[in-house]
Amino acid sequence: MLAKPREMCKMPNVIKYLVQEAIETGRWDPEDAVAKNFKFMGESRWEKMPKLVQKFGEESKDYKITAIQIKKICRELDLEDKVDPLIA
């Protein structure tokens, strides 16, 4: 990226929600941003997604997570119907 005037780049929605919340409230709240992003995407259980993302981060090694870990975490959070889409 070059820092030029009027340069445009796309921002992932979750980052957009994170920055908007920070501007509006002065709080940096990644969990809220993740929840809002999943709600925007139409996820019916969006309120559980911040915990899911947090657990993925905790369980990952070198920022990688296995299918077995995904299955275990989804089972813990009662999100077993999300296993196949997440692995895919």
PDB file of N, CA and C in Angstrom:
ATOM      1  N   MET A   1       0.828  -1.182   0.000  1.00  0.00           N
ATOM      2  CA  MET A   1       0.000   0.000   0.000  1.00  0.00           C
ATOM      3  C   MET A   1       0.869   1.242   0.000  1.00  0.00           C
ATOM      4  N   LEU A   2       0.439   2.202  -0.727  1.00  0.00           N
ATOM      5  CA  LEU A   2       1.094   3.493  -0.751  1.00  0.00           C
ATOM      6  C   LEU A   2       0.192   4.493  -0.035  1.00  0.00           C
ATOM      7  N   ALA A   3       0.776   5.291   0.799  1.00  0.00           N
ATOM      8  CA  ALA A   3      -0.008   6.283   1.533  1.00  0.00           C
ATOM      9  C   ALA A   3      -0.166   7.526   0.662  1.00  0.00           C
ATOM     10  N   LYS A   4      -1.146   7.498  -0.205  1.00  0.00           N
ATOM     11  CA  LYS A   4      -1.408   8.616  -1.107  1.00  0.00           C
ATOM     12  C   LYS A   4      -2.759   9.231  -0.770  1.00  0.00           C
ATOM     13  N   PRO A   5      -2.927  10.514  -1.009  1.00  0.00           N
ATOM     14  CA  PRO A   5      -4.232  11.138  -0.791  1.00  0.00           C
ATOM     15  C   PRO A   5      -5.308  10.432  -1.615  1.00  0.00           C
ATOM     16  N   ARG A   6      -6.463  10.263  -1.023  1.00  0.00           N
ATOM     17  CA  ARG A   6      -7.634   9.643  -1.658  1.00  0.00           C
ATOM     18  C   ARG A   6      -7.431   8.182  -2.029  1.00  0.00           C
ATOM     19  N   GLU A   7      -6.385   7.560  -1.556  1.00  0.00           N
ATOM     20  CA  GLU A   7      -6.202   6.128  -1.818  1.00  0.00           C
ATOM     21  C   GLU A   7      -7.315   5.366  -1.103  1.00  0.00           C
ATOM     22  N   MET A   8      -7.895   4.402  -1.771  1.00  0.00           N
ATOM     23  CA  MET A   8      -9.004   3.637  -1.220  1.00  0.00           C
ATOM     24  C   MET A   8      -8.587   2.177  -1.069  1.00  0.00           C
ATOM     25  N   CYS A   9      -9.087   1.564  -0.031  1.00  0.00           N
ATOM     26  CA  CYS A   9      -8.896   0.121   0.133  1.00  0.00           C
ATOM     27  C   CYS A   9     -10.135  -0.432   0.812  1.00  0.00           C
ATOM     28  N   LYS A  10     -10.403  -1.688   0.571  1.00  0.00           N
ATOM     29  CA  LYS A  10     -11.564  -2.340   1.179  1.00  0.00           C
ATOM     30  C   LYS A  10     -11.208  -2.764   2.593  1.00  0.00           C
ATOM     31  N   MET A  11     -12.174  -2.625   3.474  1.00  0.00           N
ATOM     32  CA  MET A  11     -11.997  -2.984   4.872  1.00  0.00           C
ATOM     33  C   MET A  11     -12.962  -4.125   5.198  1.00  0.00           C
ATOM     34  N   PRO A  12     -12.485  -5.184   5.831  1.00  0.00           N
ATOM     35  CA  PRO A  12     -13.415  -6.246   6.232  1.00  0.00           C
ATOM     36  C   PRO A  12     -14.508  -5.666   7.136  1.00  0.00           C
ATOM     37  N   ASN A  13     -15.726  -6.202   7.007  1.00  0.00           N
ATOM     38  CA  ASN A  13     -16.850  -5.680   7.791  1.00  0.00           C
ATOM     39  C   ASN A  13     -16.581  -5.689   9.285  1.00  0.00           C
ATOM     40  N   VAL A  14     -15.949  -6.724   9.788  1.00  0.00           N
ATOM     41  CA  VAL A  14     -15.712  -6.797  11.230  1.00  0.00           C
ATOM     42  C   VAL A  14     -14.834  -5.631  11.686  1.00  0.00           C
ATOM     43  N   ILE A  15     -13.878  -5.223  10.877  1.00  0.00           N
ATOM     44  CA  ILE A  15     -13.035  -4.074  11.211  1.00  0.00           C
ATOM     45  C   ILE A  15     -13.853  -2.795  11.140  1.00  0.00           C
ATOM     46  N   LYS A  16     -14.736  -2.704  10.158  1.00  0.00           N
ATOM     47  CA  LYS A  16     -15.617  -1.535  10.039  1.00  0.00           C
ATOM     48  C   LYS A  16     -16.435  -1.366  11.316  1.00  0.00           C
ATOM     49  N   TYR A  17     -17.031  -2.466  11.824  1.00  0.00           N
ATOM     50  CA  TYR A  17     -17.822  -2.384  13.052  1.00  0.00           C
ATOM     51  C   TYR A  17     -16.940  -2.017  14.248  1.00  0.00           C
ATOM     52  N   LEU A  18     -15.753  -2.545  14.299  1.00  0.00           N
ATOM     53  CA  LEU A  18     -14.827  -2.262  15.392  1.00  0.00           C
ATOM     54  C   LEU A  18     -14.478  -0.776  15.433  1.00  0.00           C
ATOM     55  N   VAL A  19     -14.132  -0.213  14.286  1.00  0.00           N
ATOM     56  CA  VAL A  19     -13.740   1.191  14.213  1.00  0.00           C
ATOM     57  C   VAL A  19     -14.951   2.097  14.453  1.00  0.00           C
ATOM     58  N   GLN A  20     -16.107   1.765  13.880  1.00  0.00           N
ATOM     59  CA  GLN A  20     -17.310   2.578  14.110  1.00  0.00           C
ATOM     60  C   GLN A  20     -17.631   2.673  15.595  1.00  0.00           C
ATOM     61  N   GLU A  21     -17.594   1.547  16.280  1.00  0.00           N
ATOM     62  CA  GLU A  21     -17.876   1.517  17.719  1.00  0.00           C
ATOM     63  C   GLU A  21     -16.865   2.366  18.480  1.00  0.00           C
ATOM     64  N   ALA A  22     -15.617   2.276  18.115  1.00  0.00           N
ATOM     65  CA  ALA A  22     -14.572   3.067  18.786  1.00  0.00           C
ATOM     66  C   ALA A  22     -14.798   4.565  18.576  1.00  0.00           C
ATOM     67  N   ILE A  23     -15.175   4.947  17.377  1.00  0.00           N
ATOM     68  CA  ILE A  23     -15.436   6.360  17.085  1.00  0.00           C
ATOM     69  C   ILE A  23     -16.650   6.851  17.880  1.00  0.00           C
ATOM     70  N   GLU A  24     -17.712   6.036  17.912  1.00  0.00           N
ATOM     71  CA  GLU A  24     -18.955   6.454  18.551  1.00  0.00           C
ATOM     72  C   GLU A  24     -18.883   6.434  20.077  1.00  0.00           C
ATOM     73  N   THR A  25     -18.168   5.474  20.644  1.00  0.00           N
ATOM     74  CA  THR A  25     -18.203   5.290  22.102  1.00  0.00           C
ATOM     75  C   THR A  25     -16.854   5.476  22.783  1.00  0.00           C
ATOM     76  N   GLY A  26     -15.781   5.446  22.010  1.00  0.00           N
ATOM     77  CA  GLY A  26     -14.454   5.500  22.609  1.00  0.00           C
ATOM     78  C   GLY A  26     -13.990   4.157  23.145  1.00  0.00           C
ATOM     79  N   ARG A  27     -14.773   3.104  22.893  1.00  0.00           N
ATOM     80  CA  ARG A  27     -14.411   1.754  23.361  1.00  0.00           C
ATOM     81  C   ARG A  27     -13.933   0.907  22.201  1.00  0.00           C
ATOM     82  N   TRP A  28     -12.918   0.098  22.468  1.00  0.00           N
ATOM     83  CA  TRP A  28     -12.398  -0.872  21.501  1.00  0.00           C
ATOM     84  C   TRP A  28     -12.975  -2.207  21.932  1.00  0.00           C
ATOM     85  N   ASP A  29     -13.989  -2.708  21.215  1.00  0.00           N
ATOM     86  CA  ASP A  29     -14.740  -3.887  21.646  1.00  0.00           C
ATOM     87  C   ASP A  29     -14.804  -4.922  20.535  1.00  0.00           C
ATOM     88  N   PRO A  30     -13.758  -5.754  20.413  1.00  0.00           N
ATOM     89  CA  PRO A  30     -13.736  -6.754  19.340  1.00  0.00           C
ATOM     90  C   PRO A  30     -14.900  -7.744  19.413  1.00  0.00           C
ATOM     91  N   GLU A  31     -15.314  -8.122  20.624  1.00  0.00           N
ATOM     92  CA  GLU A  31     -16.403  -9.084  20.753  1.00  0.00           C
ATOM     93  C   GLU A  31     -17.690  -8.524  20.150  1.00  0.00           C
ATOM     94  N   ASP A  32     -17.979  -7.260  20.426  1.00  0.00           N
ATOM     95  CA  ASP A  32     -19.171  -6.627  19.869  1.00  0.00           C
ATOM     96  C   ASP A  32     -19.080  -6.545  18.351  1.00  0.00           C
ATOM     97  N   ALA A  33     -17.902  -6.237  17.842  1.00  0.00           N
ATOM     98  CA  ALA A  33     -17.710  -6.145  16.392  1.00  0.00           C
ATOM     99  C   ALA A  33     -17.948  -7.494  15.723  1.00  0.00           C
ATOM    100  N   VAL A  34     -17.458  -8.559  16.326  1.00  0.00           N
ATOM    101  CA  VAL A  34     -17.666  -9.912  15.774  1.00  0.00           C
ATOM    102  C   VAL A  34     -19.161 -10.241  15.786  1.00  0.00           C
ATOM    103  N   ALA A  35     -19.832  -9.955  16.899  1.00  0.00           N
ATOM    104  CA  ALA A  35     -21.268 -10.239  16.994  1.00  0.00           C
ATOM    105  C   ALA A  35     -22.042  -9.461  15.933  1.00  0.00           C
ATOM    106  N   LYS A  36     -21.755  -8.168  15.788  1.00  0.00           N
ATOM    107  CA  LYS A  36     -22.459  -7.352  14.795  1.00  0.00           C
ATOM    108  C   LYS A  36     -22.206  -7.865  13.381  1.00  0.00           C
ATOM    109  N   ASN A  37     -20.991  -8.299  13.115  1.00  0.00           N
ATOM    110  CA  ASN A  37     -20.668  -8.812  11.785  1.00  0.00           C
ATOM    111  C   ASN A  37     -21.471 -10.068  11.469  1.00  0.00           C
ATOM    112  N   PHE A  38     -21.532 -10.998  12.413  1.00  0.00           N
ATOM    113  CA  PHE A  38     -22.292 -12.230  12.179  1.00  0.00           C
ATOM    114  C   PHE A  38     -23.793 -11.957  12.101  1.00  0.00           C
ATOM    115  N   LYS A  39     -24.278 -10.994  12.882  1.00  0.00           N
ATOM    116  CA  LYS A  39     -25.693 -10.620  12.806  1.00  0.00           C
ATOM    117  C   LYS A  39     -25.999 -10.045  11.427  1.00  0.00           C
ATOM    118  N   PHE A  40     -25.114  -9.172  10.922  1.00  0.00           N
ATOM    119  CA  PHE A  40     -25.268  -8.588   9.596  1.00  0.00           C
ATOM    120  C   PHE A  40     -25.302  -9.675   8.520  1.00  0.00           C
ATOM    121  N   MET A  41     -24.508 -10.732   8.705  1.00  0.00           N
ATOM    122  CA  MET A  41     -24.438 -11.825   7.736  1.00  0.00           C
ATOM    123  C   MET A  41     -25.655 -12.751   7.819  1.00  0.00           C
ATOM    124  N   GLY A  42     -26.527 -12.537   8.809  1.00  0.00           N
ATOM    125  CA  GLY A  42     -27.727 -13.347   8.931  1.00  0.00           C
ATOM    126  C   GLY A  42     -27.560 -14.589   9.786  1.00  0.00           C
ATOM    127  N   GLU A  43     -26.490 -14.658  10.543  1.00  0.00           N
ATOM    128  CA  GLU A  43     -26.260 -15.809  11.420  1.00  0.00           C
ATOM    129  C   GLU A  43     -27.284 -15.785  12.551  1.00  0.00           C
ATOM    130  N   SER A  44     -28.045 -16.865  12.687  1.00  0.00           N
ATOM    131  CA  SER A  44     -29.129 -16.902  13.677  1.00  0.00           C
ATOM    132  C   SER A  44     -28.599 -16.910  15.120  1.00  0.00           C
ATOM    133  N   ARG A  45     -27.424 -17.442  15.324  1.00  0.00           N
ATOM    134  CA  ARG A  45     -26.862 -17.490  16.685  1.00  0.00           C
ATOM    135  C   ARG A  45     -25.634 -16.587  16.800  1.00  0.00           C
ATOM    136  N   TRP A  46     -25.782 -15.384  16.267  1.00  0.00           N
ATOM    137  CA  TRP A  46     -24.698 -14.416  16.218  1.00  0.00           C
ATOM    138  C   TRP A  46     -24.130 -14.101  17.595  1.00  0.00           C
ATOM    139  N   GLU A  47     -24.964 -14.214  18.621  1.00  0.00           N
ATOM    140  CA  GLU A  47     -24.490 -13.863  19.966  1.00  0.00           C
ATOM    141  C   GLU A  47     -23.436 -14.836  20.494  1.00  0.00           C
ATOM    142  N   LYS A  48     -23.360 -16.036  19.918  1.00  0.00           N
ATOM    143  CA  LYS A  48     -22.358 -17.025  20.343  1.00  0.00           C
ATOM    144  C   LYS A  48     -21.048 -16.903  19.570  1.00  0.00           C
ATOM    145  N   MET A  49     -21.050 -16.173  18.495  1.00  0.00           N
ATOM    146  CA  MET A  49     -19.877 -16.124  17.615  1.00  0.00           C
ATOM    147  C   MET A  49     -18.635 -15.474  18.248  1.00  0.00           C
ATOM    148  N   PRO A  50     -18.772 -14.443  19.085  1.00  0.00           N
ATOM    149  CA  PRO A  50     -17.551 -13.905  19.708  1.00  0.00           C
ATOM    150  C   PRO A  50     -16.816 -14.957  20.543  1.00  0.00           C
ATOM    151  N   LYS A  51     -17.563 -15.765  21.277  1.00  0.00           N
ATOM    152  CA  LYS A  51     -16.943 -16.821  22.081  1.00  0.00           C
ATOM    153  C   LYS A  51     -16.298 -17.871  21.177  1.00  0.00           C
ATOM    154  N   LEU A  52     -16.947 -18.191  20.066  1.00  0.00           N
ATOM    155  CA  LEU A  52     -16.393 -19.151  19.113  1.00  0.00           C
ATOM    156  C   LEU A  52     -15.058 -18.648  18.566  1.00  0.00           C
ATOM    157  N   VAL A  53     -15.035 -17.399  18.139  1.00  0.00           N
ATOM    158  CA  VAL A  53     -13.804 -16.816  17.593  1.00  0.00           C
ATOM    159  C   VAL A  53     -12.720 -16.761  18.672  1.00  0.00           C
ATOM    160  N   GLN A  54     -13.106 -16.404  19.885  1.00  0.00           N
ATOM    161  CA  GLN A  54     -12.144 -16.353  20.998  1.00  0.00           C
ATOM    162  C   GLN A  54     -11.536 -17.732  21.255  1.00  0.00           C
ATOM    163  N   LYS A  55     -12.380 -18.755  21.291  1.00  0.00           N
ATOM    164  CA  LYS A  55     -11.892 -20.121  21.533  1.00  0.00           C
ATOM    165  C   LYS A  55     -10.979 -20.591  20.402  1.00  0.00           C
ATOM    166  N   PHE A  56     -11.309 -20.234  19.161  1.00  0.00           N
ATOM    167  CA  PHE A  56     -10.435 -20.585  18.044  1.00  0.00           C
ATOM    168  C   PHE A  56      -9.055 -19.982  18.265  1.00  0.00           C
ATOM    169  N   GLY A  57      -9.016 -18.742  18.680  1.00  0.00           N
ATOM    170  CA  GLY A  57      -7.736 -18.090  18.933  1.00  0.00           C
ATOM    171  C   GLY A  57      -6.963 -18.749  20.056  1.00  0.00           C
ATOM    172  N   GLU A  58      -7.652 -19.100  21.116  1.00  0.00           N
ATOM    173  CA  GLU A  58      -7.007 -19.753  22.265  1.00  0.00           C
ATOM    174  C   GLU A  58      -6.458 -21.125  21.907  1.00  0.00           C
ATOM    175  N   GLU A  59      -7.181 -21.857  21.083  1.00  0.00           N
ATOM    176  CA  GLU A  59      -6.800 -23.229  20.740  1.00  0.00           C
ATOM    177  C   GLU A  59      -5.822 -23.326  19.570  1.00  0.00           C
ATOM    178  N   SER A  60      -5.673 -22.250  18.823  1.00  0.00           N
ATOM    179  CA  SER A  60      -4.825 -22.315  17.631  1.00  0.00           C
ATOM    180  C   SER A  60      -3.348 -22.401  18.003  1.00  0.00           C
ATOM    181  N   LYS A  61      -2.608 -22.981  17.121  1.00  0.00           N
ATOM    182  CA  LYS A  61      -1.145 -23.042  17.243  1.00  0.00           C
ATOM    183  C   LYS A  61      -0.593 -22.437  15.962  1.00  0.00           C
ATOM    184  N   ASP A  62       0.233 -21.414  16.095  1.00  0.00           N
ATOM    185  CA  ASP A  62       0.755 -20.691  14.930  1.00  0.00           C
ATOM    186  C   ASP A  62      -0.387 -20.202  14.031  1.00  0.00           C
ATOM    187  N   TYR A  63      -1.482 -19.762  14.661  1.00  0.00           N
ATOM    188  CA  TYR A  63      -2.660 -19.235  13.963  1.00  0.00           C
ATOM    189  C   TYR A  63      -3.328 -20.270  13.069  1.00  0.00           C
ATOM    190  N   LYS A  64      -3.177 -21.543  13.412  1.00  0.00           N
ATOM    191  CA  LYS A  64      -3.814 -22.626  12.663  1.00  0.00           C
ATOM    192  C   LYS A  64      -4.659 -23.444  13.625  1.00  0.00           C
ATOM    193  N   ILE A  65      -5.768 -23.966  13.108  1.00  0.00           N
ATOM    194  CA  ILE A  65      -6.654 -24.787  13.921  1.00  0.00           C
ATOM    195  C   ILE A  65      -7.093 -25.994  13.094  1.00  0.00           C
ATOM    196  N   THR A  66      -7.215 -27.117  13.730  1.00  0.00           N
ATOM    197  CA  THR A  66      -7.554 -28.356  13.031  1.00  0.00           C
ATOM    198  C   THR A  66      -9.062 -28.593  13.028  1.00  0.00           C
ATOM    199  N   ALA A  67      -9.490 -29.483  12.163  1.00  0.00           N
ATOM    200  CA  ALA A  67     -10.898 -29.864  12.106  1.00  0.00           C
ATOM    201  C   ALA A  67     -11.345 -30.476  13.433  1.00  0.00           C
ATOM    202  N   ILE A  68     -10.486 -31.227  14.064  1.00  0.00           N
ATOM    203  CA  ILE A  68     -10.816 -31.838  15.359  1.00  0.00           C
ATOM    204  C   ILE A  68     -11.036 -30.754  16.410  1.00  0.00           C
ATOM    205  N   GLN A  69     -10.196 -29.730  16.393  1.00  0.00           N
ATOM    206  CA  GLN A  69     -10.363 -28.622  17.337  1.00  0.00           C
ATOM    207  C   GLN A  69     -11.671 -27.867  17.061  1.00  0.00           C
ATOM    208  N   ILE A  70     -11.987 -27.646  15.800  1.00  0.00           N
ATOM    209  CA  ILE A  70     -13.230 -26.963  15.433  1.00  0.00           C
ATOM    210  C   ILE A  70     -14.423 -27.757  15.960  1.00  0.00           C
ATOM    211  N   LYS A  71     -14.396 -29.067  15.752  1.00  0.00           N
ATOM    212  CA  LYS A  71     -15.493 -29.922  16.213  1.00  0.00           C
ATOM    213  C   LYS A  71     -15.636 -29.858  17.728  1.00  0.00           C
ATOM    214  N   LYS A  72     -14.536 -29.919  18.447  1.00  0.00           N
ATOM    215  CA  LYS A  72     -14.547 -29.877  19.913  1.00  0.00           C
ATOM    216  C   LYS A  72     -15.117 -28.549  20.417  1.00  0.00           C
ATOM    217  N   ILE A  73     -14.653 -27.459  19.857  1.00  0.00           N
ATOM    218  CA  ILE A  73     -15.100 -26.138  20.296  1.00  0.00           C
ATOM    219  C   ILE A  73     -16.582 -25.943  19.977  1.00  0.00           C
ATOM    220  N   CYS A  74     -17.001 -26.345  18.802  1.00  0.00           N
ATOM    221  CA  CYS A  74     -18.414 -26.221  18.438  1.00  0.00           C
ATOM    222  C   CYS A  74     -19.294 -27.046  19.371  1.00  0.00           C
ATOM    223  N   ARG A  75     -18.828 -28.226  19.739  1.00  0.00           N
ATOM    224  CA  ARG A  75     -19.584 -29.072  20.671  1.00  0.00           C
ATOM    225  C   ARG A  75     -19.714 -28.363  22.029  1.00  0.00           C
ATOM    226  N   GLU A  76     -18.614 -27.780  22.510  1.00  0.00           N
ATOM    227  CA  GLU A  76     -18.627 -27.075  23.795  1.00  0.00           C
ATOM    228  C   GLU A  76     -19.620 -25.915  23.803  1.00  0.00           C
ATOM    229  N   LEU A  77     -19.773 -25.255  22.670  1.00  0.00           N
ATOM    230  CA  LEU A  77     -20.620 -24.067  22.583  1.00  0.00           C
ATOM    231  C   LEU A  77     -22.003 -24.363  22.015  1.00  0.00           C
ATOM    232  N   ASP A  78     -22.343 -25.641  21.874  1.00  0.00           N
ATOM    233  CA  ASP A  78     -23.629 -26.064  21.306  1.00  0.00           C
ATOM    234  C   ASP A  78     -23.830 -25.470  19.909  1.00  0.00           C
ATOM    235  N   LEU A  79     -22.785 -25.568  19.103  1.00  0.00           N
ATOM    236  CA  LEU A  79     -22.827 -25.092  17.716  1.00  0.00           C
ATOM    237  C   LEU A  79     -22.433 -26.215  16.755  1.00  0.00           C
ATOM    238  N   GLU A  80     -22.847 -27.426  17.081  1.00  0.00           N
ATOM    239  CA  GLU A  80     -22.429 -28.580  16.290  1.00  0.00           C
ATOM    240  C   GLU A  80     -22.876 -28.510  14.832  1.00  0.00           C
ATOM    241  N   ASP A  81     -23.963 -27.792  14.560  1.00  0.00           N
ATOM    242  CA  ASP A  81     -24.418 -27.662  13.167  1.00  0.00           C
ATOM    243  C   ASP A  81     -23.506 -26.742  12.358  1.00  0.00           C
ATOM    244  N   LYS A  82     -22.570 -26.078  12.997  1.00  0.00           N
ATOM    245  CA  LYS A  82     -21.647 -25.169  12.312  1.00  0.00           C
ATOM    246  C   LYS A  82     -20.327 -25.848  11.930  1.00  0.00           C
ATOM    247  N   VAL A  83     -20.109 -27.067  12.392  1.00  0.00           N
ATOM    248  CA  VAL A  83     -18.835 -27.750  12.183  1.00  0.00           C
ATOM    249  C   VAL A  83     -18.484 -27.865  10.701  1.00  0.00           C
ATOM    250  N   ASP A  84     -19.360 -28.459   9.920  1.00  0.00           N
ATOM    251  CA  ASP A  84     -19.048 -28.686   8.492  1.00  0.00           C
ATOM    252  C   ASP A  84     -18.799 -27.386   7.732  1.00  0.00           C
ATOM    253  N   PRO A  85     -19.655 -26.361   7.878  1.00  0.00           N
ATOM    254  CA  PRO A  85     -19.361 -25.111   7.176  1.00  0.00           C
ATOM    255  C   PRO A  85     -18.036 -24.477   7.609  1.00  0.00           C
ATOM    256  N   LEU A  86     -17.718 -24.569   8.874  1.00  0.00           N
ATOM    257  CA  LEU A  86     -16.471 -23.979   9.351  1.00  0.00           C
ATOM    258  C   LEU A  86     -15.262 -24.729   8.822  1.00  0.00           C
ATOM    259  N   ILE A  87     -15.340 -26.031   8.780  1.00  0.00           N
ATOM    260  CA  ILE A  87     -14.223 -26.823   8.256  1.00  0.00           C
ATOM    261  C   ILE A  87     -14.067 -26.572   6.762  1.00  0.00           C
ATOM    262  N   ALA A  88     -15.193 -26.494   6.044  1.00  0.00           N
ATOM    263  CA  ALA A  88     -15.145 -26.250   4.612  1.00  0.00           C
ATOM    264  C   ALA A  88     -14.529 -24.904   4.331  1.00  0.00           C
TER     265      ALA A  88
END
